[in-house]
Amino acid sequence: MDSYPARVAAIVNGAHERVANLASELRDEEECYREATIRDSEDLEQSLKRASEHQDQPEQPQEPVRPNRDSSPSWDDDDDFSDNTWLENVDD
């Protein structure tokens, strides 16, 4: 059986090891966070720069899109209710 001081030393050494591991993980997380923050702020800066450049350019007039009247949608044929007599008797 180990002596009391030896058990205390083992507990303290184990705690120190866990603290060192947690500190290392925390440093890694902090480094990743800083890198992500720098990357995000650079991306934001580039987006703002592109937006301001786009805003400085005169707007190009766009030709309106006109629907093609020759083609009808496939569901258009289904809207003919003239053969359905149940519509005529709604108020009855």
PDB file of N, CA and C in Angstrom:
ATOM      1  N   MET A   1       0.843  -1.158   0.000  1.00  0.00           N
ATOM      2  CA  MET A   1       0.000   0.000   0.000  1.00  0.00           C
ATOM      3  C   MET A   1       0.896   1.232   0.000  1.00  0.00           C
ATOM      4  N   ASP A   2       0.507   2.200  -0.854  1.00  0.00           N
ATOM      5  CA  ASP A   2       1.301   3.427  -0.954  1.00  0.00           C
ATOM      6  C   ASP A   2       1.088   4.295   0.270  1.00  0.00           C
ATOM      7  N   SER A   3       2.083   5.080   0.516  1.00  0.00           N
ATOM      8  CA  SER A   3       1.973   6.006   1.643  1.00  0.00           C
ATOM      9  C   SER A   3       1.090   7.192   1.239  1.00  0.00           C
ATOM     10  N   TYR A   4       0.612   7.866   2.226  1.00  0.00           N
ATOM     11  CA  TYR A   4      -0.263   9.013   1.999  1.00  0.00           C
ATOM     12  C   TYR A   4       0.411  10.075   1.134  1.00  0.00           C
ATOM     13  N   PRO A   5       1.663  10.459   1.408  1.00  0.00           N
ATOM     14  CA  PRO A   5       2.326  11.471   0.572  1.00  0.00           C
ATOM     15  C   PRO A   5       2.473  11.024  -0.885  1.00  0.00           C
ATOM     16  N   ALA A   6       2.681   9.740  -1.112  1.00  0.00           N
ATOM     17  CA  ALA A   6       2.821   9.244  -2.480  1.00  0.00           C
ATOM     18  C   ALA A   6       1.482   9.342  -3.218  1.00  0.00           C
ATOM     19  N   ARG A   7       0.381   9.026  -2.528  1.00  0.00           N
ATOM     20  CA  ARG A   7      -0.945   9.132  -3.153  1.00  0.00           C
ATOM     21  C   ARG A   7      -1.287  10.584  -3.459  1.00  0.00           C
ATOM     22  N   VAL A   8      -0.973  11.470  -2.539  1.00  0.00           N
ATOM     23  CA  VAL A   8      -1.231  12.901  -2.761  1.00  0.00           C
ATOM     24  C   VAL A   8      -0.411  13.395  -3.944  1.00  0.00           C
ATOM     25  N   ALA A   9       0.844  12.975  -4.021  1.00  0.00           N
ATOM     26  CA  ALA A   9       1.711  13.386  -5.130  1.00  0.00           C
ATOM     27  C   ALA A   9       1.155  12.875  -6.459  1.00  0.00           C
ATOM     28  N   ALA A  10       0.645  11.639  -6.485  1.00  0.00           N
ATOM     29  CA  ALA A  10       0.072  11.082  -7.711  1.00  0.00           C
ATOM     30  C   ALA A  10      -1.183  11.861  -8.127  1.00  0.00           C
ATOM     31  N   ILE A  11      -2.015  12.210  -7.155  1.00  0.00           N
ATOM     32  CA  ILE A  11      -3.225  12.985  -7.447  1.00  0.00           C
ATOM     33  C   ILE A  11      -2.854  14.366  -7.988  1.00  0.00           C
ATOM     34  N   VAL A  12      -1.895  15.017  -7.348  1.00  0.00           N
ATOM     35  CA  VAL A  12      -1.462  16.354  -7.772  1.00  0.00           C
ATOM     36  C   VAL A  12      -0.834  16.292  -9.160  1.00  0.00           C
ATOM     37  N   ASN A  13      -0.009  15.276  -9.400  1.00  0.00           N
ATOM     38  CA  ASN A  13       0.619  15.139 -10.720  1.00  0.00           C
ATOM     39  C   ASN A  13      -0.438  14.898 -11.804  1.00  0.00           C
ATOM     40  N   GLY A  14      -1.434  14.075 -11.511  1.00  0.00           N
ATOM     41  CA  GLY A  14      -2.520  13.833 -12.462  1.00  0.00           C
ATOM     42  C   GLY A  14      -3.313  15.108 -12.743  1.00  0.00           C
ATOM     43  N   ALA A  15      -3.569  15.883 -11.695  1.00  0.00           N
ATOM     44  CA  ALA A  15      -4.292  17.145 -11.870  1.00  0.00           C
ATOM     45  C   ALA A  15      -3.480  18.121 -12.708  1.00  0.00           C
ATOM     46  N   HIS A  16      -2.177  18.180 -12.461  1.00  0.00           N
ATOM     47  CA  HIS A  16      -1.300  19.063 -13.245  1.00  0.00           C
ATOM     48  C   HIS A  16      -1.309  18.651 -14.715  1.00  0.00           C
ATOM     49  N   GLU A  17      -1.291  17.351 -14.963  1.00  0.00           N
ATOM     50  CA  GLU A  17      -1.301  16.854 -16.340  1.00  0.00           C
ATOM     51  C   GLU A  17      -2.614  17.230 -17.041  1.00  0.00           C
ATOM     52  N   ARG A  18      -3.740  17.063 -16.323  1.00  0.00           N
ATOM     53  CA  ARG A  18      -5.036  17.434 -16.910  1.00  0.00           C
ATOM     54  C   ARG A  18      -5.111  18.932 -17.185  1.00  0.00           C
ATOM     55  N   VAL A  19      -4.607  19.734 -16.274  1.00  0.00           N
ATOM     56  CA  VAL A  19      -4.603  21.191 -16.460  1.00  0.00           C
ATOM     57  C   VAL A  19      -3.732  21.572 -17.651  1.00  0.00           C
ATOM     58  N   ALA A  20      -2.583  20.922 -17.786  1.00  0.00           N
ATOM     59  CA  ALA A  20      -1.697  21.210 -18.918  1.00  0.00           C
ATOM     60  C   ALA A  20      -2.378  20.846 -20.240  1.00  0.00           C
ATOM     61  N   ASN A  21      -3.085  19.701 -20.272  1.00  0.00           N
ATOM     62  CA  ASN A  21      -3.808  19.300 -21.484  1.00  0.00           C
ATOM     63  C   ASN A  21      -4.925  20.287 -21.819  1.00  0.00           C
ATOM     64  N   LEU A  22      -5.672  20.705 -20.801  1.00  0.00           N
ATOM     65  CA  LEU A  22      -6.746  21.669 -21.027  1.00  0.00           C
ATOM     66  C   LEU A  22      -6.199  23.011 -21.510  1.00  0.00           C
ATOM     67  N   ALA A  23      -5.078  23.439 -20.942  1.00  0.00           N
ATOM     68  CA  ALA A  23      -4.461  24.698 -21.367  1.00  0.00           C
ATOM     69  C   ALA A  23      -4.009  24.612 -22.822  1.00  0.00           C
ATOM     70  N   SER A  24      -3.464  23.473 -23.204  1.00  0.00           N
ATOM     71  CA  SER A  24      -3.038  23.275 -24.588  1.00  0.00           C
ATOM     72  C   SER A  24      -4.241  23.320 -25.535  1.00  0.00           C
ATOM     73  N   GLU A  25      -5.329  22.645 -25.152  1.00  0.00           N
ATOM     74  CA  GLU A  25      -6.541  22.672 -25.970  1.00  0.00           C
ATOM     75  C   GLU A  25      -7.094  24.089 -26.082  1.00  0.00           C
ATOM     76  N   LEU A  26      -7.054  24.814 -24.975  1.00  0.00           N
ATOM     77  CA  LEU A  26      -7.547  26.186 -24.971  1.00  0.00           C
ATOM     78  C   LEU A  26      -6.711  27.076 -25.889  1.00  0.00           C
ATOM     79  N   ARG A  27      -5.397  26.898 -25.870  1.00  0.00           N
ATOM     80  CA  ARG A  27      -4.527  27.673 -26.769  1.00  0.00           C
ATOM     81  C   ARG A  27      -4.836  27.351 -28.223  1.00  0.00           C
ATOM     82  N   ASP A  28      -5.058  26.065 -28.526  1.00  0.00           N
ATOM     83  CA  ASP A  28      -5.405  25.672 -29.894  1.00  0.00           C
ATOM     84  C   ASP A  28      -6.736  26.296 -30.329  1.00  0.00           C
ATOM     85  N   GLU A  29      -7.724  26.259 -29.437  1.00  0.00           N
ATOM     86  CA  GLU A  29      -9.029  26.853 -29.748  1.00  0.00           C
ATOM     87  C   GLU A  29      -8.899  28.356 -29.963  1.00  0.00           C
ATOM     88  N   GLU A  30      -8.108  29.000 -29.120  1.00  0.00           N
ATOM     89  CA  GLU A  30      -7.918  30.446 -29.245  1.00  0.00           C
ATOM     90  C   GLU A  30      -7.248  30.792 -30.572  1.00  0.00           C
ATOM     91  N   GLU A  31      -6.266  29.999 -30.970  1.00  0.00           N
ATOM     92  CA  GLU A  31      -5.578  30.229 -32.236  1.00  0.00           C
ATOM     93  C   GLU A  31      -6.543  30.050 -33.412  1.00  0.00           C
ATOM     94  N   CYS A  32      -7.359  29.011 -33.368  1.00  0.00           N
ATOM     95  CA  CYS A  32      -8.353  28.793 -34.430  1.00  0.00           C
ATOM     96  C   CYS A  32      -9.350  29.947 -34.482  1.00  0.00           C
ATOM     97  N   TYR A  33      -9.772  30.424 -33.313  1.00  0.00           N
ATOM     98  CA  TYR A  33     -10.719  31.537 -33.255  1.00  0.00           C
ATOM     99  C   TYR A  33     -10.100  32.797 -33.854  1.00  0.00           C
ATOM    100  N   ARG A  34      -8.864  33.071 -33.510  1.00  0.00           N
ATOM    101  CA  ARG A  34      -8.193  34.262 -34.057  1.00  0.00           C
ATOM    102  C   ARG A  34      -8.045  34.163 -35.569  1.00  0.00           C
ATOM    103  N   GLU A  35      -7.656  32.992 -36.063  1.00  0.00           N
ATOM    104  CA  GLU A  35      -7.516  32.809 -37.508  1.00  0.00           C
ATOM    105  C   GLU A  35      -8.859  33.000 -38.209  1.00  0.00           C
ATOM    106  N   ALA A  36      -9.920  32.453 -37.631  1.00  0.00           N
ATOM    107  CA  ALA A  36     -11.252  32.597 -38.225  1.00  0.00           C
ATOM    108  C   ALA A  36     -11.705  34.055 -38.192  1.00  0.00           C
ATOM    109  N   THR A  37     -11.407  34.751 -37.107  1.00  0.00           N
ATOM    110  CA  THR A  37     -11.781  36.157 -36.995  1.00  0.00           C
ATOM    111  C   THR A  37     -11.059  36.992 -38.036  1.00  0.00           C
ATOM    112  N   ILE A  38      -9.775  36.741 -38.204  1.00  0.00           N
ATOM    113  CA  ILE A  38      -8.995  37.467 -39.211  1.00  0.00           C
ATOM    114  C   ILE A  38      -9.543  37.171 -40.604  1.00  0.00           C
ATOM    115  N   ARG A  39      -9.796  35.905 -40.879  1.00  0.00           N
ATOM    116  CA  ARG A  39     -10.320  35.512 -42.191  1.00  0.00           C
ATOM    117  C   ARG A  39     -11.690  36.153 -42.440  1.00  0.00           C
ATOM    118  N   ASP A  40     -12.559  36.139 -41.431  1.00  0.00           N
ATOM    119  CA  ASP A  40     -13.887  36.730 -41.588  1.00  0.00           C
ATOM    120  C   ASP A  40     -13.808  38.235 -41.805  1.00  0.00           C
ATOM    121  N   SER A  41     -12.914  38.907 -41.084  1.00  0.00           N
ATOM    122  CA  SER A  41     -12.820  40.350 -41.257  1.00  0.00           C
ATOM    123  C   SER A  41     -12.218  40.696 -42.611  1.00  0.00           C
ATOM    124  N   GLU A  42     -11.294  39.873 -43.111  1.00  0.00           N
ATOM    125  CA  GLU A  42     -10.759  40.096 -44.460  1.00  0.00           C
ATOM    126  C   GLU A  42     -11.849  39.879 -45.507  1.00  0.00           C
ATOM    127  N   ASP A  43     -12.663  38.835 -45.331  1.00  0.00           N
ATOM    128  CA  ASP A  43     -13.771  38.582 -46.261  1.00  0.00           C
ATOM    129  C   ASP A  43     -14.772  39.735 -46.240  1.00  0.00           C
ATOM    130  N   LEU A  44     -15.079  40.232 -45.051  1.00  0.00           N
ATOM    131  CA  LEU A  44     -16.010  41.347 -44.922  1.00  0.00           C
ATOM    132  C   LEU A  44     -15.450  42.596 -45.588  1.00  0.00           C
ATOM    133  N   GLU A  45     -14.175  42.843 -45.375  1.00  0.00           N
ATOM    134  CA  GLU A  45     -13.529  44.003 -45.984  1.00  0.00           C
ATOM    135  C   GLU A  45     -13.594  43.913 -47.510  1.00  0.00           C
ATOM    136  N   GLN A  46     -13.326  42.738 -48.062  1.00  0.00           N
ATOM    137  CA  GLN A  46     -13.395  42.558 -49.514  1.00  0.00           C
ATOM    138  C   GLN A  46     -14.827  42.727 -50.021  1.00  0.00           C
ATOM    139  N   SER A  47     -15.794  42.205 -49.292  1.00  0.00           N
ATOM    140  CA  SER A  47     -17.196  42.349 -49.696  1.00  0.00           C
ATOM    141  C   SER A  47     -17.617  43.810 -49.693  1.00  0.00           C
ATOM    142  N   LEU A  48     -17.216  44.543 -48.665  1.00  0.00           N
ATOM    143  CA  LEU A  48     -17.551  45.962 -48.596  1.00  0.00           C
ATOM    144  C   LEU A  48     -16.882  46.737 -49.720  1.00  0.00           C
ATOM    145  N   LYS A  49     -15.650  46.371 -50.034  1.00  0.00           N
ATOM    146  CA  LYS A  49     -14.932  47.037 -51.120  1.00  0.00           C
ATOM    147  C   LYS A  49     -15.636  46.780 -52.449  1.00  0.00           C
ATOM    148  N   ARG A  50     -16.021  45.520 -52.696  1.00  0.00           N
ATOM    149  CA  ARG A  50     -16.733  45.199 -53.940  1.00  0.00           C
ATOM    150  C   ARG A  50     -18.072  45.925 -54.005  1.00  0.00           C
ATOM    151  N   ALA A  51     -18.765  45.996 -52.878  1.00  0.00           N
ATOM    152  CA  ALA A  51     -20.062  46.671 -52.850  1.00  0.00           C
ATOM    153  C   ALA A  51     -19.905  48.158 -53.139  1.00  0.00           C
ATOM    154  N   SER A  52     -18.885  48.783 -52.574  1.00  0.00           N
ATOM    155  CA  SER A  52     -18.689  50.211 -52.830  1.00  0.00           C
ATOM    156  C   SER A  52     -18.274  50.448 -54.272  1.00  0.00           C
ATOM    157  N   GLU A  53     -17.473  49.556 -54.843  1.00  0.00           N
ATOM    158  CA  GLU A  53     -17.100  49.687 -56.252  1.00  0.00           C
ATOM    159  C   GLU A  53     -18.328  49.518 -57.139  1.00  0.00           C
ATOM    160  N   HIS A  54     -19.171  48.585 -56.787  1.00  0.00           N
ATOM    161  CA  HIS A  54     -20.389  48.345 -57.565  1.00  0.00           C
ATOM    162  C   HIS A  54     -21.328  49.543 -57.447  1.00  0.00           C
ATOM    163  N   GLN A  55     -21.367  50.157 -56.283  1.00  0.00           N
ATOM    164  CA  GLN A  55     -22.246  51.289 -56.049  1.00  0.00           C
ATOM    165  C   GLN A  55     -21.770  52.515 -56.830  1.00  0.00           C
ATOM    166  N   ASP A  56     -20.468  52.652 -57.035  1.00  0.00           N
ATOM    167  CA  ASP A  56     -19.915  53.789 -57.758  1.00  0.00           C
ATOM    168  C   ASP A  56     -20.165  53.697 -59.255  1.00  0.00           C
ATOM    169  N   GLN A  57     -20.398  52.499 -59.762  1.00  0.00           N
ATOM    170  CA  GLN A  57     -20.630  52.326 -61.191  1.00  0.00           C
ATOM    171  C   GLN A  57     -22.065  52.722 -61.526  1.00  0.00           C
ATOM    172  N   PRO A  58     -22.260  53.396 -62.673  1.00  0.00           N
ATOM    173  CA  PRO A  58     -23.636  53.732 -63.053  1.00  0.00           C
ATOM    174  C   PRO A  58     -24.419  52.461 -63.361  1.00  0.00           C
ATOM    175  N   GLU A  59     -25.663  52.485 -62.994  1.00  0.00           N
ATOM    176  CA  GLU A  59     -26.491  51.296 -63.187  1.00  0.00           C
ATOM    177  C   GLU A  59     -26.806  51.120 -64.663  1.00  0.00           C
ATOM    178  N   GLN A  60     -26.618  49.920 -65.130  1.00  0.00           N
ATOM    179  CA  GLN A  60     -26.892  49.603 -66.523  1.00  0.00           C
ATOM    180  C   GLN A  60     -28.389  49.354 -66.679  1.00  0.00           C
ATOM    181  N   PRO A  61     -29.022  50.035 -67.650  1.00  0.00           N
ATOM    182  CA  PRO A  61     -30.452  49.760 -67.845  1.00  0.00           C
ATOM    183  C   PRO A  61     -30.647  48.332 -68.344  1.00  0.00           C
ATOM    184  N   GLN A  62     -31.600  47.680 -67.771  1.00  0.00           N
ATOM    185  CA  GLN A  62     -31.866  46.303 -68.156  1.00  0.00           C
ATOM    186  C   GLN A  62     -33.137  46.250 -68.983  1.00  0.00           C
ATOM    187  N   GLU A  63     -33.100  45.430 -69.987  1.00  0.00           N
ATOM    188  CA  GLU A  63     -34.263  45.258 -70.840  1.00  0.00           C
ATOM    189  C   GLU A  63     -35.287  44.418 -70.086  1.00  0.00           C
ATOM    190  N   PRO A  64     -36.540  44.872 -70.047  1.00  0.00           N
ATOM    191  CA  PRO A  64     -37.541  44.090 -69.310  1.00  0.00           C
ATOM    192  C   PRO A  64     -37.782  42.741 -69.975  1.00  0.00           C
ATOM    193  N   VAL A  65     -38.034  41.775 -69.149  1.00  0.00           N
ATOM    194  CA  VAL A  65     -38.315  40.429 -69.646  1.00  0.00           C
ATOM    195  C   VAL A  65     -39.789  40.368 -70.000  1.00  0.00           C
ATOM    196  N   ARG A  66     -40.057  40.002 -71.223  1.00  0.00           N
ATOM    197  CA  ARG A  66     -41.447  39.915 -71.680  1.00  0.00           C
ATOM    198  C   ARG A  66     -41.829  38.444 -71.808  1.00  0.00           C
ATOM    199  N   PRO A  67     -42.983  38.094 -71.292  1.00  0.00           N
ATOM    200  CA  PRO A  67     -43.402  36.691 -71.402  1.00  0.00           C
ATOM    201  C   PRO A  67     -43.722  36.343 -72.846  1.00  0.00           C
ATOM    202  N   ASN A  68     -43.445  35.140 -73.184  1.00  0.00           N
ATOM    203  CA  ASN A  68     -43.731  34.640 -74.515  1.00  0.00           C
ATOM    204  C   ASN A  68     -45.212  34.269 -74.566  1.00  0.00           C
ATOM    205  N   ARG A  69     -45.986  35.010 -75.323  1.00  0.00           N
ATOM    206  CA  ARG A  69     -47.437  34.805 -75.377  1.00  0.00           C
ATOM    207  C   ARG A  69     -47.812  33.585 -76.213  1.00  0.00           C
ATOM    208  N   ASP A  70     -46.876  33.095 -77.011  1.00  0.00           N
ATOM    209  CA  ASP A  70     -47.179  31.949 -77.865  1.00  0.00           C
ATOM    210  C   ASP A  70     -47.271  30.647 -77.083  1.00  0.00           C
ATOM    211  N   SER A  71     -46.525  30.563 -76.034  1.00  0.00           N
ATOM    212  CA  SER A  71     -46.538  29.312 -75.275  1.00  0.00           C
ATOM    213  C   SER A  71     -47.397  29.488 -74.039  1.00  0.00           C
ATOM    214  N   SER A  72     -48.242  28.556 -73.780  1.00  0.00           N
ATOM    215  CA  SER A  72     -49.072  28.604 -72.584  1.00  0.00           C
ATOM    216  C   SER A  72     -48.596  27.517 -71.633  1.00  0.00           C
ATOM    217  N   PRO A  73     -48.726  27.760 -70.360  1.00  0.00           N
ATOM    218  CA  PRO A  73     -48.287  26.741 -69.402  1.00  0.00           C
ATOM    219  C   PRO A  73     -49.145  25.490 -69.510  1.00  0.00           C
ATOM    220  N   SER A  74     -48.592  24.398 -69.080  1.00  0.00           N
ATOM    221  CA  SER A  74     -49.287  23.116 -69.206  1.00  0.00           C
ATOM    222  C   SER A  74     -50.550  23.073 -68.361  1.00  0.00           C
ATOM    223  N   TRP A  75     -50.602  23.804 -67.271  1.00  0.00           N
ATOM    224  CA  TRP A  75     -51.779  23.773 -66.409  1.00  0.00           C
ATOM    225  C   TRP A  75     -52.898  24.657 -66.939  1.00  0.00           C
ATOM    226  N   ASP A  76     -52.635  25.468 -67.983  1.00  0.00           N
ATOM    227  CA  ASP A  76     -53.636  26.387 -68.510  1.00  0.00           C
ATOM    228  C   ASP A  76     -54.851  25.639 -69.050  1.00  0.00           C
ATOM    229  N   ASP A  77     -54.662  24.486 -69.646  1.00  0.00           N
ATOM    230  CA  ASP A  77     -55.765  23.714 -70.205  1.00  0.00           C
ATOM    231  C   ASP A  77     -56.686  23.162 -69.123  1.00  0.00           C
ATOM    232  N   ASP A  78     -56.196  23.017 -67.912  1.00  0.00           N
ATOM    233  CA  ASP A  78     -56.985  22.450 -66.826  1.00  0.00           C
ATOM    234  C   ASP A  78     -57.985  23.443 -66.245  1.00  0.00           C
ATOM    235  N   ASP A  79     -57.899  24.720 -66.626  1.00  0.00           N
ATOM    236  CA  ASP A  79     -58.763  25.734 -66.035  1.00  0.00           C
ATOM    237  C   ASP A  79     -60.113  25.873 -66.726  1.00  0.00           C
ATOM    238  N   ASP A  80     -60.413  25.043 -67.673  1.00  0.00           N
ATOM    239  CA  ASP A  80     -61.700  25.107 -68.354  1.00  0.00           C
ATOM    240  C   ASP A  80     -62.715  24.298 -67.547  1.00  0.00           C
ATOM    241  N   PHE A  81     -63.611  25.012 -66.839  1.00  0.00           N
ATOM    242  CA  PHE A  81     -64.590  24.361 -65.971  1.00  0.00           C
ATOM    243  C   PHE A  81     -65.987  24.314 -66.595  1.00  0.00           C
ATOM    244  N   SER A  82     -66.089  24.603 -67.872  1.00  0.00           N
ATOM    245  CA  SER A  82     -67.411  24.680 -68.498  1.00  0.00           C
ATOM    246  C   SER A  82     -68.156  23.347 -68.470  1.00  0.00           C
ATOM    247  N   ASP A  83     -67.463  22.249 -68.461  1.00  0.00           N
ATOM    248  CA  ASP A  83     -68.122  20.945 -68.455  1.00  0.00           C
ATOM    249  C   ASP A  83     -68.539  20.508 -67.057  1.00  0.00           C
ATOM    250  N   ASN A  84     -68.108  21.201 -66.047  1.00  0.00           N
ATOM    251  CA  ASN A  84     -68.399  20.797 -64.672  1.00  0.00           C
ATOM    252  C   ASN A  84     -69.677  21.478 -64.201  1.00  0.00           C
ATOM    253  N   THR A  85     -70.756  20.736 -64.128  1.00  0.00           N
ATOM    254  CA  THR A  85     -72.047  21.308 -63.746  1.00  0.00           C
ATOM    255  C   THR A  85     -72.130  21.601 -62.260  1.00  0.00           C
ATOM    256  N   TRP A  86     -71.298  21.028 -61.472  1.00  0.00           N
ATOM    257  CA  TRP A  86     -71.355  21.263 -60.029  1.00  0.00           C
ATOM    258  C   TRP A  86     -71.082  22.717 -59.698  1.00  0.00           C
ATOM    259  N   LEU A  87     -70.367  23.459 -60.570  1.00  0.00           N
ATOM    260  CA  LEU A  87     -70.124  24.866 -60.308  1.00  0.00           C
ATOM    261  C   LEU A  87     -71.396  25.696 -60.476  1.00  0.00           C
ATOM    262  N   GLU A  88     -72.285  25.273 -61.318  1.00  0.00           N
ATOM    263  CA  GLU A  88     -73.517  26.017 -61.561  1.00  0.00           C
ATOM    264  C   GLU A  88     -74.484  25.899 -60.387  1.00  0.00           C
ATOM    265  N   ASN A  89     -74.390  24.854 -59.609  1.00  0.00           N
ATOM    266  CA  ASN A  89     -75.337  24.607 -58.529  1.00  0.00           C
ATOM    267  C   ASN A  89     -74.780  24.961 -57.154  1.00  0.00           C
ATOM    268  N   VAL A  90     -73.851  25.867 -57.087  1.00  0.00           N
ATOM    269  CA  VAL A  90     -73.226  26.194 -55.807  1.00  0.00           C
ATOM    270  C   VAL A  90     -74.217  26.849 -54.865  1.00  0.00           C
ATOM    271  N   ASP A  91     -75.082  27.734 -55.364  1.00  0.00           N
ATOM    272  CA  ASP A  91     -76.016  28.460 -54.500  1.00  0.00           C
ATOM    273  C   ASP A  91     -77.225  27.634 -54.085  1.00  0.00           C
ATOM    274  N   ASP A  92     -77.458  26.521 -54.705  1.00  0.00           N
ATOM    275  CA  ASP A  92     -78.647  25.698 -54.399  1.00  0.00           C
ATOM    276  C   ASP A  92     -78.539  24.990 -53.089  1.00  0.00           C
TER     277      ASP A  92
END
